[in-house]
Amino acid sequence: MTLLLGCIADDFTGATDLAALLARSGLPVSLRIGIPQDRRHPNETAAFEVIALKCRTSPVDTAVNQAHQALTWLKEAGASRFFWKYCSTFDSTAEGNIGPVADMLMAETGATQTIYCPAFPENGRSIFIGHLFVGEQLLSESPMKDHPLTPMRDSSLVRLLTPQVNGAVGLANHNIVSKGAESLRAKLAQLGNDGIRHVIVDAVSDDDLRTIAAASFDMPLVTGGSAIAGQLPQFYMEQGLVSLSEHRQALPKITGGSIVLSGSCSAMTRKQVANYAGKVTSLRLDPIALAEEGPGTALEWLRQQSPDAPKLIYATAEPNEVRQAQERLGRDKAGKVVEDALSEIARTAFDCGTRRFVVAGGETSGAITQTLGAAHLTIGPEIAPGVPWTFTTLGGETVALALKSGNFGKETFFTDAFDRLETA
């Protein structure tokens, strides 16, 4: 099948989010974990190829290099249009990595201009006059201000992006977008004539996203959250670039135990952990104890549990507890000891018969999928907007994985996830 869009995502949960929204089109979506090691002839690809990197908080040079390798693979597979996916809360630091990767992709694809639109109205992320809102709160006033790795203390996407890219950053505000695709195209052209290569675009509704997609679907490079990408397939179909297949993929039935592994400390994940902990056997991990003693106690606890019983193991904690651990261990080490422990726990859980995994947190999901050796995921049913079940083969056995960004889903997400798998 013709590869319509080659996608690069900066973390694993973001990649599954993107794949889920593209899959709503009914067209085939392939999700590859890390830089693929094989080569694909153009007729061996899906309509949408998504490569999941783990580079959101990597050093800039590392992130740019990984994205370049992913781009090379996608080009060789036949892609001519590309999408750079980052979080709908624009998670980044002053140095990057959103802007530096975008600059590289523009240079390598020949794009003279690109847009930035992390809006996801269905999940409460909107952009108005260049400012990002989470629900009714400015980003800088939302719980994201206390994110342990990328605390977001400014809501202006123009200000956030400017130090990260070469050249000025422009804005196409909601007044422009609300007038339709031709209005937006004209604004982009005017900004381009003024030498503005990087443009933030407002969006507060799905109608806005459709307008933006109509104005940008033929760009060599589009960047943003998954919601804007989810609008692109309809325009490819309208242009006759692909037709909707009537084939429906049969989803596997998964047997074996279930476990939730949570490394996210987002506000919503804290509510989800509290909701689920009262329903199943659970164990809380302490980063300081992990740093001093390793995960041995948790692994022994896991081995003593019934393989078929649902379980929850989590390092999810309140912001003040996260700060205490970071002050004691350092920010990077505090995160790494949790990722390493949950990865080893996931491997042990698989060895004990677990075949259904829900993982909360982008960094945690990346670490666990790499440890398990998941290289290629099939996209299944959505549990919540942007969070699908995915399926992979490990050691000759089919495993279900749900990789959840921290703030996605309702309080009952963990219960909802396993219920959804049963009815798929």
Protein backbone atom coordinates (compact mmCIF):
# COMPACT_ATOMS: atom_id res chain seq x y z
CA MET A 1 0.00 0.00 0.00
CA THR A 2 1.15 3.58 -0.67
CA LEU A 3 2.75 5.15 2.39
CA LEU A 4 0.73 8.35 2.72
CA LEU A 5 2.32 9.80 5.84
CA GLY A 6 5.52 8.99 7.69
CA CYS A 7 5.22 9.88 11.38
CA ILE A 8 7.84 10.37 14.08
CA ALA A 9 6.70 10.59 17.71
CA ASP A 10 8.87 11.74 20.60
CA ASP A 11 7.63 9.14 23.07
CA PHE A 12 5.81 5.81 23.07
CA THR A 13 2.49 6.86 24.53
CA GLY A 14 2.39 9.76 22.10
CA ALA A 15 2.99 7.32 19.27
CA THR A 16 0.10 5.07 20.29
CA ASP A 17 -2.09 8.16 20.72
CA LEU A 18 -1.20 9.21 17.16
CA ALA A 19 -1.69 5.72 15.76
CA ALA A 20 -5.11 5.47 17.42
CA LEU A 21 -6.39 8.66 15.84
CA LEU A 22 -5.03 7.75 12.40
CA ALA A 23 -6.66 4.31 12.74
CA ARG A 24 -10.08 5.96 13.13
CA SER A 25 -9.91 6.51 9.35
CA GLY A 26 -10.16 2.77 8.78
CA LEU A 27 -6.85 2.79 6.91
CA PRO A 28 -3.95 0.54 7.99
CA VAL A 29 -1.60 1.93 10.62
CA SER A 30 1.74 0.42 11.60
CA LEU A 31 3.49 1.37 14.84
CA ARG A 32 7.20 0.58 15.14
CA ILE A 33 9.04 0.88 18.44
CA GLY A 34 12.41 2.57 18.06
CA ILE A 35 14.38 2.92 14.84
CA PRO A 36 13.38 -0.04 12.63
CA GLN A 37 16.30 -2.28 11.79
CA ASP A 38 14.74 -3.81 8.70
CA ARG A 39 14.07 -2.16 5.36
CA ARG A 40 10.63 -1.97 3.75
CA HIS A 41 9.80 -1.80 0.07
CA PRO A 42 7.13 0.87 -0.52
CA ASN A 43 4.48 -1.78 -1.26
CA GLU A 44 5.18 -3.48 2.08
CA THR A 45 4.13 -0.54 4.24
CA ALA A 46 0.87 0.57 5.81
CA ALA A 47 -0.85 3.78 4.74
CA PHE A 48 0.49 5.36 7.94
CA GLU A 49 3.82 4.37 9.44
CA VAL A 50 4.49 5.64 12.95
CA ILE A 51 7.94 5.38 14.50
CA ALA A 52 7.97 5.74 18.29
CA LEU A 53 11.12 7.28 19.71
CA LYS A 54 12.00 7.89 23.36
CA CYS A 55 13.57 11.29 22.92
CA ARG A 56 11.26 13.84 24.58
CA THR A 57 13.74 14.55 27.36
CA SER A 58 16.92 13.34 25.64
CA PRO A 59 19.82 15.73 24.97
CA VAL A 60 19.06 17.79 21.88
CA ASP A 61 21.77 16.17 19.73
CA THR A 62 20.49 12.72 20.64
CA ALA A 63 16.89 13.61 19.81
CA VAL A 64 17.83 15.17 16.47
CA ASN A 65 19.99 12.18 15.54
CA GLN A 66 17.27 9.66 16.38
CA ALA A 67 14.66 11.63 14.46
CA HIS A 68 17.02 11.82 11.48
CA GLN A 69 17.43 8.03 11.49
CA ALA A 70 13.65 7.62 11.64
CA LEU A 71 13.21 10.06 8.75
CA THR A 72 15.75 8.16 6.66
CA TRP A 73 13.85 4.90 7.18
CA LEU A 74 10.53 6.52 6.28
CA LYS A 75 11.98 8.08 3.14
CA GLU A 76 13.41 4.75 2.03
CA ALA A 77 10.00 3.18 2.67
CA GLY A 78 8.44 5.64 0.24
CA ALA A 79 7.10 8.50 2.39
CA SER A 80 6.98 11.97 0.88
CA ARG A 81 4.86 13.66 3.59
CA PHE A 82 5.91 13.68 7.21
CA PHE A 83 4.46 14.41 10.65
CA TRP A 84 6.44 15.32 13.78
CA LYS A 85 4.35 14.42 16.82
CA TYR A 86 4.92 15.87 20.28
CA CYS A 87 2.73 16.14 23.36
CA SER A 88 -0.51 18.13 23.37
CA THR A 89 0.93 20.03 26.34
CA PHE A 90 4.03 20.98 24.29
CA ASP A 91 6.33 19.27 26.81
CA SER A 92 9.79 20.64 26.28
CA THR A 93 12.63 22.61 27.78
CA ALA A 94 14.05 25.96 26.65
CA GLU A 95 16.64 24.05 24.61
CA GLY A 96 14.19 21.67 22.88
CA ASN A 97 13.51 19.11 21.65
CA ILE A 98 10.46 20.19 19.65
CA GLY A 99 12.11 23.03 17.74
CA PRO A 100 15.52 21.50 16.94
CA VAL A 101 13.93 18.34 15.55
CA ALA A 102 11.49 20.41 13.49
CA ASP A 103 14.37 22.48 12.07
CA MET A 104 16.20 19.32 11.04
CA LEU A 105 13.09 17.78 9.47
CA MET A 106 12.40 20.97 7.51
CA ALA A 107 15.93 20.99 6.15
CA GLU A 108 15.83 17.30 5.19
CA THR A 109 12.35 17.39 3.61
CA GLY A 110 12.75 20.69 1.81
CA ALA A 111 9.89 22.28 3.76
CA THR A 112 10.02 26.08 3.59
CA GLN A 113 7.38 26.48 6.29
CA THR A 114 5.60 24.31 8.82
CA ILE A 115 2.87 24.66 11.41
CA TYR A 116 2.76 23.81 15.11
CA CYS A 117 -0.62 22.73 16.47
CA PRO A 118 -0.60 20.61 19.66
CA ALA A 119 -4.34 21.22 20.24
CA PHE A 120 -6.49 18.20 21.17
CA PRO A 121 -9.97 19.62 21.98
CA GLU A 122 -11.41 16.16 22.67
CA ASN A 123 -8.96 15.90 25.57
CA GLY A 124 -9.29 19.52 26.68
CA ARG A 125 -6.17 20.94 24.97
CA SER A 126 -6.81 24.13 23.01
CA ILE A 127 -4.81 27.06 21.62
CA PHE A 128 -6.16 30.60 21.63
CA ILE A 129 -4.15 33.67 20.61
CA GLY A 130 -1.09 31.44 20.72
CA HIS A 131 -1.65 30.37 24.33
CA LEU A 132 -2.13 26.72 25.27
CA PHE A 133 -4.97 25.80 27.60
CA VAL A 134 -5.50 22.56 29.54
CA GLY A 135 -9.23 22.50 30.08
CA GLU A 136 -10.07 26.02 31.25
CA GLN A 137 -6.61 26.62 32.72
CA LEU A 138 -3.62 28.16 31.05
CA LEU A 139 -0.85 25.59 30.65
CA SER A 140 1.26 27.51 33.18
CA GLU A 141 -1.54 27.31 35.76
CA SER A 142 -2.37 23.64 35.14
CA PRO A 143 -0.80 20.66 36.92
CA MET A 144 1.77 20.60 34.08
CA LYS A 145 3.55 23.43 35.90
CA ASP A 146 4.78 20.76 38.33
CA HIS A 147 5.77 18.11 35.77
CA PRO A 148 8.88 16.42 37.22
CA LEU A 149 10.82 16.42 33.91
CA THR A 150 9.38 19.25 31.84
CA PRO A 151 7.65 21.76 34.14
CA MET A 152 5.64 24.10 31.89
CA ARG A 153 5.75 27.59 33.40
CA ASP A 154 4.75 29.56 30.28
CA SER A 155 1.56 29.23 28.20
CA SER A 156 2.68 31.20 25.13
CA LEU A 157 3.68 28.76 22.40
CA VAL A 158 5.35 31.57 20.47
CA ARG A 159 7.58 32.34 23.46
CA LEU A 160 8.23 28.66 24.16
CA LEU A 161 9.19 27.82 20.58
CA THR A 162 11.21 30.93 19.66
CA PRO A 163 14.45 30.05 21.51
CA GLN A 164 14.33 26.52 20.08
CA VAL A 165 14.27 27.28 16.33
CA ASN A 166 16.20 29.17 13.70
CA GLY A 167 14.27 32.28 12.73
CA ALA A 168 11.18 34.04 13.99
CA VAL A 169 7.94 32.33 15.03
CA GLY A 170 4.60 33.59 13.72
CA LEU A 171 0.98 33.12 14.74
CA ALA A 172 -2.17 32.34 12.78
CA ASN A 173 -4.78 33.22 15.37
CA HIS A 174 -8.33 32.00 15.78
CA ASN A 175 -9.80 34.91 13.89
CA ILE A 176 -7.91 33.69 10.80
CA VAL A 177 -8.73 30.01 11.34
CA SER A 178 -12.44 30.65 11.93
CA LYS A 179 -12.76 32.13 8.43
CA GLY A 180 -11.79 28.85 6.79
CA ALA A 181 -8.99 27.09 4.95
CA GLU A 182 -8.50 29.76 2.29
CA SER A 183 -8.09 32.41 4.98
CA LEU A 184 -5.48 30.28 6.73
CA ARG A 185 -3.63 29.52 3.50
CA ALA A 186 -3.47 33.24 2.75
CA LYS A 187 -2.11 33.97 6.24
CA LEU A 188 0.53 31.25 5.92
CA ALA A 189 1.55 32.62 2.52
CA GLN A 190 1.80 36.14 3.91
CA LEU A 191 3.93 34.94 6.81
CA GLY A 192 6.08 32.96 4.39
CA ASN A 193 6.66 36.05 2.26
CA ASP A 194 7.81 37.78 5.44
CA GLY A 195 10.31 34.99 6.05
CA ILE A 196 8.35 33.33 8.87
CA ARG A 197 9.02 29.57 8.61
CA HIS A 198 7.53 28.45 11.95
CA VAL A 199 3.85 29.19 12.60
CA ILE A 200 1.75 28.49 15.69
CA VAL A 201 -1.90 27.90 14.68
CA ASP A 202 -4.84 28.41 17.04
CA ALA A 203 -7.46 25.66 17.46
CA VAL A 204 -10.26 25.39 20.01
CA SER A 205 -12.51 22.81 18.32
CA ASP A 206 -12.45 19.86 15.95
CA ASP A 207 -13.88 22.18 13.27
CA ASP A 208 -10.74 24.29 13.63
CA LEU A 209 -8.59 21.18 13.24
CA ARG A 210 -10.40 20.28 10.01
CA THR A 211 -9.78 23.79 8.69
CA ILE A 212 -6.09 23.55 9.58
CA ALA A 213 -5.76 20.12 8.00
CA ALA A 214 -7.45 21.36 4.82
CA ALA A 215 -4.92 24.18 4.60
CA SER A 216 -1.83 22.10 5.39
CA PHE A 217 -2.36 18.48 4.26
CA ASP A 218 -0.09 18.94 1.24
CA MET A 219 2.79 20.44 3.24
CA PRO A 220 5.93 18.25 3.23
CA LEU A 221 6.03 18.54 7.03
CA VAL A 222 3.29 19.15 9.58
CA THR A 223 3.97 19.16 13.33
CA GLY A 224 1.66 18.97 16.30
CA GLY A 225 -0.34 16.70 18.56
CA SER A 226 -2.20 13.63 17.39
CA ALA A 227 -5.53 15.41 16.91
CA ILE A 228 -4.42 17.45 13.89
CA ALA A 229 -2.87 14.33 12.34
CA GLY A 230 -6.15 12.50 12.82
CA GLN A 231 -7.81 14.98 10.45
CA LEU A 232 -5.36 14.39 7.57
CA PRO A 233 -6.62 10.99 6.25
CA GLN A 234 -9.94 12.37 5.02
CA PHE A 235 -8.13 14.85 2.78
CA TYR A 236 -5.84 12.15 1.37
CA MET A 237 -8.94 10.14 0.51
CA GLU A 238 -10.71 13.15 -0.99
CA GLN A 239 -7.69 13.75 -3.21
CA GLY A 240 -7.86 10.16 -4.44
CA LEU A 241 -4.51 9.25 -2.94
CA VAL A 242 -6.00 6.17 -1.26
CA SER A 243 -9.33 4.36 -0.98
CA LEU A 244 -10.80 2.91 2.17
CA SER A 245 -10.35 -0.83 2.31
CA GLU A 246 -13.30 -2.93 3.37
CA HIS A 247 -11.00 -5.34 5.14
CA ARG A 248 -11.38 -5.39 8.91
CA GLN A 249 -8.53 -6.77 10.92
CA ALA A 250 -9.45 -9.56 13.34
CA LEU A 251 -8.23 -8.73 16.84
CA PRO A 252 -6.64 -11.44 18.98
CA LYS A 253 -8.18 -12.74 22.19
CA ILE A 254 -5.68 -12.45 25.00
CA THR A 255 -5.55 -14.86 27.92
CA GLY A 256 -3.23 -14.56 30.90
CA GLY A 257 -2.88 -12.29 33.89
CA SER A 258 -3.19 -8.51 33.96
CA ILE A 259 -1.11 -5.78 35.57
CA VAL A 260 -1.02 -1.98 35.73
CA LEU A 261 2.44 -0.39 35.96
CA SER A 262 2.41 3.33 36.67
CA GLY A 263 5.37 5.67 36.67
CA SER A 264 3.42 8.81 35.84
CA CYS A 265 2.86 11.39 38.56
CA SER A 266 0.34 13.48 36.62
CA ALA A 267 -2.79 14.74 38.34
CA MET A 268 -5.09 12.38 36.44
CA THR A 269 -2.87 9.34 36.92
CA ARG A 270 -2.85 10.00 40.66
CA LYS A 271 -6.65 9.85 40.61
CA GLN A 272 -6.59 6.70 38.47
CA VAL A 273 -4.15 4.96 40.80
CA ALA A 274 -6.24 5.90 43.84
CA ASN A 275 -9.36 4.56 42.12
CA TYR A 276 -7.80 1.25 41.13
CA ALA A 277 -5.68 0.61 44.22
CA GLY A 278 -8.79 -0.03 46.28
CA LYS A 279 -10.00 -2.72 43.88
CA VAL A 280 -6.90 -4.87 43.32
CA THR A 281 -3.76 -6.04 45.04
CA SER A 282 -1.27 -3.19 44.84
CA LEU A 283 2.27 -2.19 45.74
CA ARG A 284 3.78 1.30 45.89
CA LEU A 285 7.42 1.86 44.91
CA ASP A 286 9.62 4.39 46.70
CA PRO A 287 12.36 5.88 44.45
CA ILE A 288 14.74 6.40 47.39
CA ALA A 289 14.37 2.77 48.52
CA LEU A 290 14.81 1.61 44.93
CA ALA A 291 18.02 3.62 44.63
CA GLU A 292 19.38 2.12 47.85
CA GLU A 293 18.11 -1.45 47.62
CA GLY A 294 17.02 -2.11 44.02
CA PRO A 295 13.71 -3.70 42.99
CA GLY A 296 14.29 -7.06 44.66
CA THR A 297 11.54 -6.65 47.25
CA ALA A 298 9.00 -5.70 44.59
CA LEU A 299 10.01 -8.63 42.38
CA GLU A 300 9.62 -11.06 45.25
CA TRP A 301 6.21 -9.57 46.09
CA LEU A 302 5.15 -10.02 42.47
CA ARG A 303 6.25 -13.66 42.35
CA GLN A 304 4.16 -14.40 45.45
CA GLN A 305 0.93 -13.13 43.85
CA SER A 306 -1.48 -15.31 41.90
CA PRO A 307 -0.58 -15.06 38.18
CA ASP A 308 -4.26 -14.61 37.27
CA ALA A 309 -5.08 -11.92 39.86
CA PRO A 310 -5.12 -8.29 38.64
CA LYS A 311 -2.30 -6.23 40.14
CA LEU A 312 -1.11 -2.63 40.38
CA ILE A 313 2.48 -1.55 40.96
CA TYR A 314 3.11 2.16 40.98
CA ALA A 315 5.58 4.92 41.75
CA THR A 316 2.89 7.55 41.28
CA ALA A 317 3.20 10.21 43.99
CA GLU A 318 2.17 13.74 44.94
CA PRO A 319 4.29 16.67 43.65
CA ASN A 320 5.91 17.33 47.06
CA GLU A 321 6.96 13.68 47.32
CA VAL A 322 8.41 13.80 43.80
CA ARG A 323 10.38 16.93 44.71
CA GLN A 324 11.76 15.26 47.84
CA ALA A 325 12.98 12.27 45.82
CA GLN A 326 14.52 14.55 43.20
CA GLU A 327 16.28 16.63 45.84
CA ARG A 328 17.69 13.47 47.40
CA LEU A 329 18.65 11.61 44.22
CA GLY A 330 18.75 14.24 41.50
CA ARG A 331 16.00 14.65 38.88
CA ASP A 332 17.41 12.27 36.28
CA LYS A 333 18.34 9.50 38.72
CA ALA A 334 14.97 9.68 40.49
CA GLY A 335 13.23 9.05 37.17
CA LYS A 336 15.67 6.41 35.99
CA VAL A 337 15.48 4.20 39.07
CA VAL A 338 11.70 4.08 38.68
CA GLU A 339 11.88 3.32 34.95
CA ASP A 340 14.50 0.60 35.50
CA ALA A 341 12.51 -0.99 38.32
CA LEU A 342 9.20 -1.00 36.45
CA SER A 343 10.95 -2.41 33.38
CA GLU A 344 12.38 -5.30 35.39
CA ILE A 345 8.98 -5.82 37.03
CA ALA A 346 7.34 -5.96 33.60
CA ARG A 347 9.79 -8.62 32.41
CA THR A 348 9.19 -10.65 35.57
CA ALA A 349 5.42 -10.27 35.19
CA PHE A 350 5.65 -11.62 31.64
CA ASP A 351 7.74 -14.56 32.86
CA CYS A 352 5.04 -15.22 35.50
CA GLY A 353 2.29 -15.40 32.88
CA THR A 354 1.03 -11.81 32.56
CA ARG A 355 -0.15 -11.06 29.02
CA ARG A 356 -2.21 -7.88 29.53
CA PHE A 357 -0.29 -4.74 30.49
CA VAL A 358 -1.50 -1.20 31.13
CA VAL A 359 1.38 1.25 31.46
CA ALA A 360 0.93 4.86 32.62
CA GLY A 361 3.50 7.49 31.67
CA GLY A 362 5.43 8.22 28.50
CA GLU A 363 8.92 7.61 29.84
CA THR A 364 7.75 4.50 31.69
CA SER A 365 6.06 3.14 28.56
CA GLY A 366 9.20 3.66 26.54
CA ALA A 367 11.38 1.86 29.05
CA ILE A 368 8.98 -1.08 29.46
CA THR A 369 8.34 -1.70 25.77
CA GLN A 370 12.07 -1.66 25.09
CA THR A 371 12.76 -4.07 27.93
CA LEU A 372 10.02 -6.45 26.78
CA GLY A 373 11.41 -6.32 23.24
CA ALA A 374 8.22 -5.04 21.59
CA ALA A 375 9.28 -3.81 18.14
CA HIS A 376 6.04 -3.65 16.15
CA LEU A 377 2.53 -3.00 17.46
CA THR A 378 -0.87 -3.59 15.89
CA ILE A 379 -3.44 -0.94 16.83
CA GLY A 380 -6.62 -2.17 18.51
CA PRO A 381 -9.71 -0.52 20.02
CA GLU A 382 -9.53 2.84 21.81
CA ILE A 383 -10.06 2.82 25.56
CA ALA A 384 -10.20 6.61 25.79
CA PRO A 385 -9.50 9.29 23.18
CA GLY A 386 -5.95 8.74 22.00
CA VAL A 387 -5.30 5.62 24.09
CA PRO A 388 -5.76 2.32 22.25
CA TRP A 389 -5.03 -1.25 23.11
CA THR A 390 -2.14 -2.50 21.02
CA PHE A 391 -0.97 -6.03 20.32
CA THR A 392 2.48 -7.50 19.81
CA THR A 393 4.21 -10.87 19.82
CA LEU A 394 6.76 -11.64 22.52
CA GLY A 395 8.45 -14.99 22.74
CA GLY A 396 5.90 -16.46 20.34
CA GLU A 397 2.94 -15.29 22.46
CA THR A 398 0.49 -12.46 21.81
CA VAL A 399 0.52 -9.69 24.39
CA ALA A 400 -1.83 -6.72 24.84
CA LEU A 401 -0.31 -3.36 25.78
CA ALA A 402 -2.10 -0.12 26.62
CA LEU A 403 0.38 2.76 26.82
CA LYS A 404 -1.21 5.80 28.44
CA SER A 405 0.01 9.38 28.55
CA GLY A 406 -0.16 10.69 32.10
CA ASN A 407 -3.19 12.96 31.92
CA PHE A 408 -5.30 10.94 29.46
CA GLY A 409 -8.40 8.98 30.42
CA LYS A 410 -10.99 9.19 33.18
CA GLU A 411 -10.49 8.23 36.82
CA THR A 412 -11.77 4.73 36.03
CA PHE A 413 -9.32 4.28 33.14
CA PHE A 414 -7.56 1.16 34.44
CA THR A 415 -10.84 -0.71 34.99
CA ASP A 416 -12.18 0.62 31.69
CA ALA A 417 -9.11 -0.66 29.87
CA PHE A 418 -9.53 -4.28 30.86
CA ASP A 419 -13.28 -4.12 30.31
CA ARG A 420 -12.67 -2.76 26.80
CA LEU A 421 -10.27 -5.59 26.03
CA GLU A 422 -12.88 -8.16 26.99
CA THR A 423 -15.43 -6.67 24.58
CA ALA A 424 -13.06 -6.03 21.65
